[in-house]
N, C-alpha and C. Protein backbone atom coordinates (compact mmCIF):
# COMPACT_ATOMS: atom_id res chain seq x y z
N LYS A 1 -9.35 -1.93 -52.11
CA LYS A 1 -9.56 -1.16 -50.87
C LYS A 1 -9.80 0.31 -51.21
N MET A 2 -10.88 0.90 -50.54
CA MET A 2 -11.22 2.32 -50.71
C MET A 2 -10.10 3.16 -50.09
N THR A 3 -9.79 4.23 -50.70
CA THR A 3 -8.92 5.24 -50.07
C THR A 3 -9.57 6.14 -49.04
N GLU A 4 -8.78 6.68 -48.17
CA GLU A 4 -9.33 7.68 -47.21
C GLU A 4 -10.09 8.84 -47.91
N ARG A 5 -9.48 9.26 -49.02
CA ARG A 5 -10.04 10.38 -49.78
C ARG A 5 -11.48 9.98 -50.27
N GLU A 6 -11.53 8.73 -50.87
CA GLU A 6 -12.85 8.27 -51.37
C GLU A 6 -13.85 8.26 -50.29
N LEU A 7 -13.48 7.77 -49.09
CA LEU A 7 -14.40 7.77 -47.95
C LEU A 7 -14.73 9.11 -47.48
N PHE A 8 -13.79 9.96 -47.40
CA PHE A 8 -14.04 11.41 -46.92
C PHE A 8 -15.03 12.07 -47.89
N ASP A 9 -14.90 11.84 -49.15
CA ASP A 9 -15.76 12.51 -50.14
C ASP A 9 -17.24 12.04 -49.96
N CYS A 10 -17.52 11.01 -49.19
CA CYS A 10 -18.92 10.58 -49.04
C CYS A 10 -19.56 11.35 -47.87
N LEU A 11 -18.76 12.00 -47.08
CA LEU A 11 -19.28 12.64 -45.82
C LEU A 11 -20.40 13.71 -46.27
N GLY A 12 -21.49 13.59 -45.55
CA GLY A 12 -22.60 14.47 -45.78
C GLY A 12 -23.48 14.18 -46.97
N LYS A 13 -23.31 12.93 -47.56
CA LYS A 13 -24.03 12.58 -48.77
C LYS A 13 -24.78 11.20 -48.51
N ASN A 14 -25.81 10.99 -49.32
CA ASN A 14 -26.49 9.79 -49.33
C ASN A 14 -25.70 8.79 -50.25
N VAL A 15 -25.47 7.61 -49.70
CA VAL A 15 -24.68 6.62 -50.45
C VAL A 15 -25.26 5.25 -50.46
N LYS A 16 -24.79 4.44 -51.42
CA LYS A 16 -25.06 3.02 -51.49
C LYS A 16 -23.74 2.34 -51.46
N ILE A 17 -23.46 1.55 -50.46
CA ILE A 17 -22.23 0.82 -50.33
C ILE A 17 -22.46 -0.64 -50.74
N ILE A 18 -21.61 -1.07 -51.61
CA ILE A 18 -21.57 -2.50 -51.99
C ILE A 18 -20.31 -3.09 -51.43
N PHE A 19 -20.55 -4.05 -50.52
CA PHE A 19 -19.43 -4.77 -49.84
C PHE A 19 -18.83 -5.86 -50.66
N LYS A 20 -17.66 -6.32 -50.38
CA LYS A 20 -16.98 -7.31 -51.12
C LYS A 20 -17.72 -8.68 -51.02
N ASP A 21 -18.44 -8.86 -49.91
CA ASP A 21 -19.22 -10.11 -49.73
C ASP A 21 -20.63 -10.02 -50.36
N GLY A 22 -20.91 -8.92 -51.12
CA GLY A 22 -22.22 -8.78 -51.79
C GLY A 22 -23.28 -8.05 -51.03
N GLN A 23 -23.12 -7.80 -49.70
CA GLN A 23 -24.10 -7.05 -48.99
C GLN A 23 -24.19 -5.60 -49.46
N ILE A 24 -25.33 -5.04 -49.29
CA ILE A 24 -25.53 -3.63 -49.75
C ILE A 24 -26.09 -2.85 -48.55
N LEU A 25 -25.52 -1.64 -48.38
CA LEU A 25 -25.94 -0.75 -47.30
C LEU A 25 -26.26 0.60 -47.89
N GLU A 26 -27.44 1.15 -47.61
CA GLU A 26 -27.82 2.45 -48.10
C GLU A 26 -28.12 3.41 -46.96
N GLY A 27 -27.71 4.63 -47.01
CA GLY A 27 -27.95 5.59 -46.01
C GLY A 27 -27.19 6.90 -46.18
N PHE A 28 -27.13 7.63 -45.13
CA PHE A 28 -26.54 8.94 -45.08
C PHE A 28 -25.15 8.83 -44.34
N CYS A 29 -24.12 9.20 -45.03
CA CYS A 29 -22.75 9.25 -44.41
C CYS A 29 -22.58 10.46 -43.45
N GLU A 30 -22.51 10.07 -42.14
CA GLU A 30 -22.48 11.19 -41.18
C GLU A 30 -21.21 11.17 -40.39
N GLY A 31 -20.23 10.24 -40.70
CA GLY A 31 -19.00 10.26 -39.96
C GLY A 31 -17.91 9.64 -40.86
N PHE A 32 -16.68 10.07 -40.54
CA PHE A 32 -15.47 9.55 -41.22
C PHE A 32 -14.29 9.41 -40.24
N ASP A 33 -13.60 8.28 -40.25
CA ASP A 33 -12.45 8.15 -39.39
C ASP A 33 -11.23 7.68 -40.24
N THR A 34 -10.14 8.30 -40.01
CA THR A 34 -8.88 7.91 -40.76
C THR A 34 -8.33 6.61 -40.11
N GLU A 35 -7.37 6.07 -40.76
CA GLU A 35 -6.70 4.85 -40.19
C GLU A 35 -6.16 5.14 -38.77
N ASN A 36 -5.66 6.33 -38.62
CA ASN A 36 -5.05 6.70 -37.32
C ASN A 36 -6.03 6.92 -36.24
N ASP A 37 -7.33 7.21 -36.58
CA ASP A 37 -8.38 7.42 -35.59
C ASP A 37 -8.95 6.12 -35.07
N ASN A 38 -8.82 5.03 -35.84
CA ASN A 38 -9.43 3.72 -35.49
C ASN A 38 -8.46 2.82 -34.85
N ALA A 39 -8.86 2.10 -33.84
CA ALA A 39 -7.94 1.07 -33.16
C ALA A 39 -7.50 0.02 -34.07
N PRO A 40 -8.37 -0.49 -35.00
CA PRO A 40 -7.85 -1.58 -35.81
C PRO A 40 -7.06 -1.03 -36.98
N ARG A 41 -6.82 0.25 -37.07
CA ARG A 41 -5.99 0.90 -38.08
C ARG A 41 -6.62 0.72 -39.49
N LYS A 42 -7.93 0.91 -39.55
CA LYS A 42 -8.62 0.87 -40.76
C LYS A 42 -9.51 2.18 -40.92
N ALA A 43 -9.43 2.79 -42.04
CA ALA A 43 -10.32 3.96 -42.26
C ALA A 43 -11.77 3.48 -42.39
N SER A 44 -12.73 4.27 -41.97
CA SER A 44 -14.07 3.88 -42.01
C SER A 44 -15.01 5.10 -42.15
N ILE A 45 -16.26 4.75 -42.52
CA ILE A 45 -17.32 5.83 -42.56
C ILE A 45 -18.47 5.24 -41.69
N ASP A 46 -19.28 6.18 -41.23
CA ASP A 46 -20.43 5.83 -40.40
C ASP A 46 -21.70 6.14 -41.25
N ILE A 47 -22.52 5.20 -41.43
CA ILE A 47 -23.72 5.31 -42.22
C ILE A 47 -24.99 5.11 -41.42
N ARG A 48 -25.80 6.16 -41.49
CA ARG A 48 -27.15 6.12 -40.76
C ARG A 48 -28.19 5.67 -41.81
N GLN A 49 -28.81 4.56 -41.61
CA GLN A 49 -29.87 4.06 -42.48
C GLN A 49 -31.14 4.87 -42.26
N LYS A 50 -31.93 4.93 -43.27
CA LYS A 50 -33.24 5.59 -43.15
C LYS A 50 -34.02 4.98 -42.00
N ASN A 51 -34.76 5.88 -41.33
CA ASN A 51 -35.67 5.52 -40.22
C ASN A 51 -34.92 4.74 -39.13
N SER A 52 -33.60 5.02 -38.91
CA SER A 52 -32.84 4.45 -37.85
C SER A 52 -32.05 5.54 -37.12
N SER A 53 -31.94 5.34 -35.81
CA SER A 53 -31.15 6.30 -35.00
C SER A 53 -29.78 5.90 -34.78
N HIS A 54 -29.35 4.74 -35.21
CA HIS A 54 -27.92 4.32 -35.02
C HIS A 54 -27.26 4.24 -36.35
N CYS A 55 -25.90 4.17 -36.19
CA CYS A 55 -25.01 4.14 -37.37
C CYS A 55 -24.37 2.74 -37.55
N VAL A 56 -24.11 2.45 -38.81
CA VAL A 56 -23.35 1.17 -39.21
C VAL A 56 -21.99 1.60 -39.61
N VAL A 57 -20.94 1.03 -39.14
CA VAL A 57 -19.60 1.44 -39.55
C VAL A 57 -19.18 0.49 -40.69
N ALA A 58 -18.69 1.15 -41.76
CA ALA A 58 -18.16 0.44 -42.97
C ALA A 58 -16.69 0.69 -43.07
N PHE A 59 -15.86 -0.38 -42.96
CA PHE A 59 -14.46 -0.24 -43.05
C PHE A 59 -13.98 -0.31 -44.52
N ALA A 60 -12.95 0.53 -44.79
CA ALA A 60 -12.39 0.69 -46.15
C ALA A 60 -12.05 -0.66 -46.81
N ASP A 61 -11.48 -1.60 -46.10
CA ASP A 61 -11.09 -2.89 -46.70
C ASP A 61 -12.21 -3.80 -47.00
N GLU A 62 -13.44 -3.50 -46.54
CA GLU A 62 -14.54 -4.37 -46.69
C GLU A 62 -15.43 -3.86 -47.91
N ILE A 63 -15.18 -2.68 -48.38
CA ILE A 63 -16.02 -2.02 -49.39
C ILE A 63 -15.49 -2.28 -50.80
N GLU A 64 -16.44 -2.80 -51.68
CA GLU A 64 -16.08 -2.98 -53.04
C GLU A 64 -16.22 -1.71 -53.85
N LYS A 65 -17.43 -1.00 -53.61
CA LYS A 65 -17.79 0.13 -54.34
C LYS A 65 -18.73 1.05 -53.54
N ILE A 66 -18.64 2.33 -53.79
CA ILE A 66 -19.64 3.29 -53.16
C ILE A 66 -20.24 4.12 -54.35
N GLU A 67 -21.56 4.22 -54.29
CA GLU A 67 -22.29 5.02 -55.24
C GLU A 67 -22.98 6.17 -54.48
N LEU A 68 -23.00 7.37 -55.08
CA LEU A 68 -23.78 8.45 -54.42
C LEU A 68 -25.31 8.30 -54.94
N THR A 69 -26.16 8.53 -53.97
CA THR A 69 -27.59 8.33 -54.36
C THR A 69 -28.32 9.65 -54.09
N ASP A 70 -29.53 9.86 -54.67
CA ASP A 70 -30.26 11.05 -54.56
C ASP A 70 -31.06 11.07 -53.28
N ASN A 71 -31.42 9.93 -52.74
CA ASN A 71 -32.41 9.89 -51.65
C ASN A 71 -31.77 9.80 -50.31
């Protein structure tokens, strides 16, 4: 499980998220919520994919690894 600190450190950066189920999500991290902010009590980050106007929420307990990217 990713820590809140690890998620917070992604804020304002381009990231590649590898989920535990093998899915991959790439985009810009434009939001962060602590466990106390979220109803299901899970920390999360909001990722905006390229050429998209909406965000995808990635919860800490679903993430295997996060890599910072240049693009």
